[in-house]
Amino acid sequence: MPRTPKRLHGPALVTNSAATKYTVPATTKTIVRHIHVQNPSGSPVTFTLSIGTDAAGVRIFDAYSIAAGAVLDHFCYYVMEAAEVIQALAGTTNILTLTIDGDECTLG
């Protein structure tokens, strides 16, 4: 199963409503390895990220406060199946910058 390391999303601003940031392509498994969130503003901003359609039971971060001028680097190993999604939202729109990196593994 060939693995292709790649940027899965971003860098891009996060809005204040849940939006899909990445969808696993058909006949593919994806391993999310790194989630990077930057808050360049002068105020703390909350960040929510889920694997699946946003709901309390699928959140990796749930209104997690990112301090003013801070960076969140989350090194991880989340295996996702074809058609699964990552959704994210922020407490304040268009402040946080999100980048997601990982490996796509083509099946078959």
Protein backbone atom coordinates (compact mmCIF):
# COMPACT_ATOMS: atom_id res chain seq x y z
CA MET A 1 0.00 0.00 0.00
CA PRO A 2 1.89 3.10 -1.21
CA ARG A 3 1.90 6.07 1.17
CA THR A 4 2.03 9.62 -0.07
CA PRO A 5 2.99 12.23 2.55
CA LYS A 6 1.12 15.46 1.86
CA ARG A 7 -0.53 18.56 3.19
CA LEU A 8 -4.17 17.60 3.64
CA HIS A 9 -5.47 21.13 4.34
CA GLY A 10 -4.30 24.71 4.53
CA PRO A 11 -2.82 26.84 5.65
CA ALA A 12 -6.24 28.46 5.68
CA LEU A 13 -8.39 30.54 8.00
CA VAL A 14 -11.03 28.85 10.18
CA THR A 15 -14.59 30.24 10.24
CA ASN A 16 -16.97 30.29 13.20
CA SER A 17 -19.23 27.56 11.81
CA ALA A 18 -18.34 23.89 11.37
CA ALA A 19 -16.91 23.29 7.90
CA THR A 20 -15.26 20.31 6.25
CA LYS A 21 -11.51 20.79 5.93
CA TYR A 22 -10.61 17.38 4.49
CA THR A 23 -12.41 14.37 3.04
CA VAL A 24 -10.61 11.04 2.59
CA PRO A 25 -10.71 10.13 -1.12
CA ALA A 26 -12.32 6.90 -2.35
CA THR A 27 -10.12 3.76 -2.17
CA THR A 28 -7.82 5.56 0.27
CA LYS A 29 -6.92 5.45 3.96
CA THR A 30 -5.43 8.57 5.48
CA ILE A 31 -3.18 8.89 8.51
CA VAL A 32 -3.35 12.35 10.06
CA ARG A 33 0.05 13.03 11.62
CA HIS A 34 0.15 16.73 12.47
CA ILE A 35 -2.40 19.47 13.16
CA HIS A 36 -1.02 23.02 13.36
CA VAL A 37 -3.15 25.97 14.50
CA GLN A 38 -1.84 29.54 14.78
CA ASN A 39 -3.50 32.44 16.58
CA PRO A 40 -1.82 35.66 15.39
CA SER A 41 -4.34 37.91 17.14
CA GLY A 42 -4.05 39.75 20.44
CA SER A 43 -6.87 37.75 22.09
CA PRO A 44 -7.48 34.07 22.89
CA VAL A 45 -9.67 32.18 20.41
CA THR A 46 -11.36 28.80 20.91
CA PHE A 47 -10.80 25.97 18.43
CA THR A 48 -12.96 22.89 17.78
CA LEU A 49 -11.96 20.01 15.49
CA SER A 50 -13.72 16.71 14.87
CA ILE A 51 -13.23 13.57 12.86
CA GLY A 52 -16.69 13.15 11.38
CA THR A 53 -19.55 15.62 11.18
CA ASP A 54 -19.11 17.96 14.15
CA ALA A 55 -20.71 16.62 17.34
CA ALA A 56 -19.56 16.32 20.94
CA GLY A 57 -18.73 12.61 20.63
CA VAL A 58 -16.29 12.98 17.70
CA ARG A 59 -14.30 16.05 18.75
CA ILE A 60 -10.54 15.95 19.10
CA PHE A 61 -10.55 19.54 20.39
CA ASP A 62 -13.71 20.96 21.95
CA ALA A 63 -13.65 24.76 22.33
CA TYR A 64 -9.93 24.52 23.16
CA SER A 65 -8.60 27.99 23.97
CA ILE A 66 -5.54 29.06 21.99
CA ALA A 67 -3.83 32.01 23.65
CA ALA A 68 -3.07 35.28 21.90
CA GLY A 69 -0.02 34.91 19.67
CA ALA A 70 0.23 31.18 20.41
CA VAL A 71 0.61 28.09 18.25
CA LEU A 72 -0.91 24.65 18.82
CA ASP A 73 1.15 21.79 17.35
CA HIS A 74 -0.64 18.46 17.79
CA PHE A 75 1.43 15.49 16.63
CA CYS A 76 -0.89 12.53 16.25
CA TYR A 77 -1.74 9.28 14.46
CA TYR A 78 -5.41 9.23 13.44
CA VAL A 79 -6.31 6.59 10.85
CA MET A 80 -9.27 7.62 8.69
CA GLU A 81 -11.27 5.56 6.19
CA ALA A 82 -12.52 6.57 2.73
CA ALA A 83 -15.23 9.27 2.85
CA GLU A 84 -14.52 10.26 6.48
CA VAL A 85 -14.18 14.02 7.06
CA ILE A 86 -12.38 16.45 9.33
CA GLN A 87 -14.42 19.48 10.37
CA ALA A 88 -13.25 22.55 12.27
CA LEU A 89 -14.57 25.83 13.64
CA ALA A 90 -13.30 28.73 15.73
CA GLY A 91 -14.88 30.95 18.37
CA THR A 92 -14.04 34.00 16.24
CA THR A 93 -14.17 33.80 12.45
CA ASN A 94 -11.11 34.20 10.22
CA ILE A 95 -8.50 34.56 12.97
CA LEU A 96 -7.00 31.07 13.42
CA THR A 97 -4.93 29.49 10.66
CA LEU A 98 -5.18 25.69 10.32
CA THR A 99 -2.80 23.31 8.56
CA ILE A 100 -3.20 19.51 8.55
CA ASP A 101 -0.50 17.09 7.35
CA GLY A 102 -0.57 13.34 6.92
CA ASP A 103 -0.21 10.35 4.60
CA GLU A 104 -2.68 9.11 2.02
CA CYS A 105 -2.51 5.35 1.44
CA THR A 106 -4.00 4.09 -1.82
CA LEU A 107 -5.82 0.76 -1.44
CA GLY A 108 -6.04 -2.00 -3.97
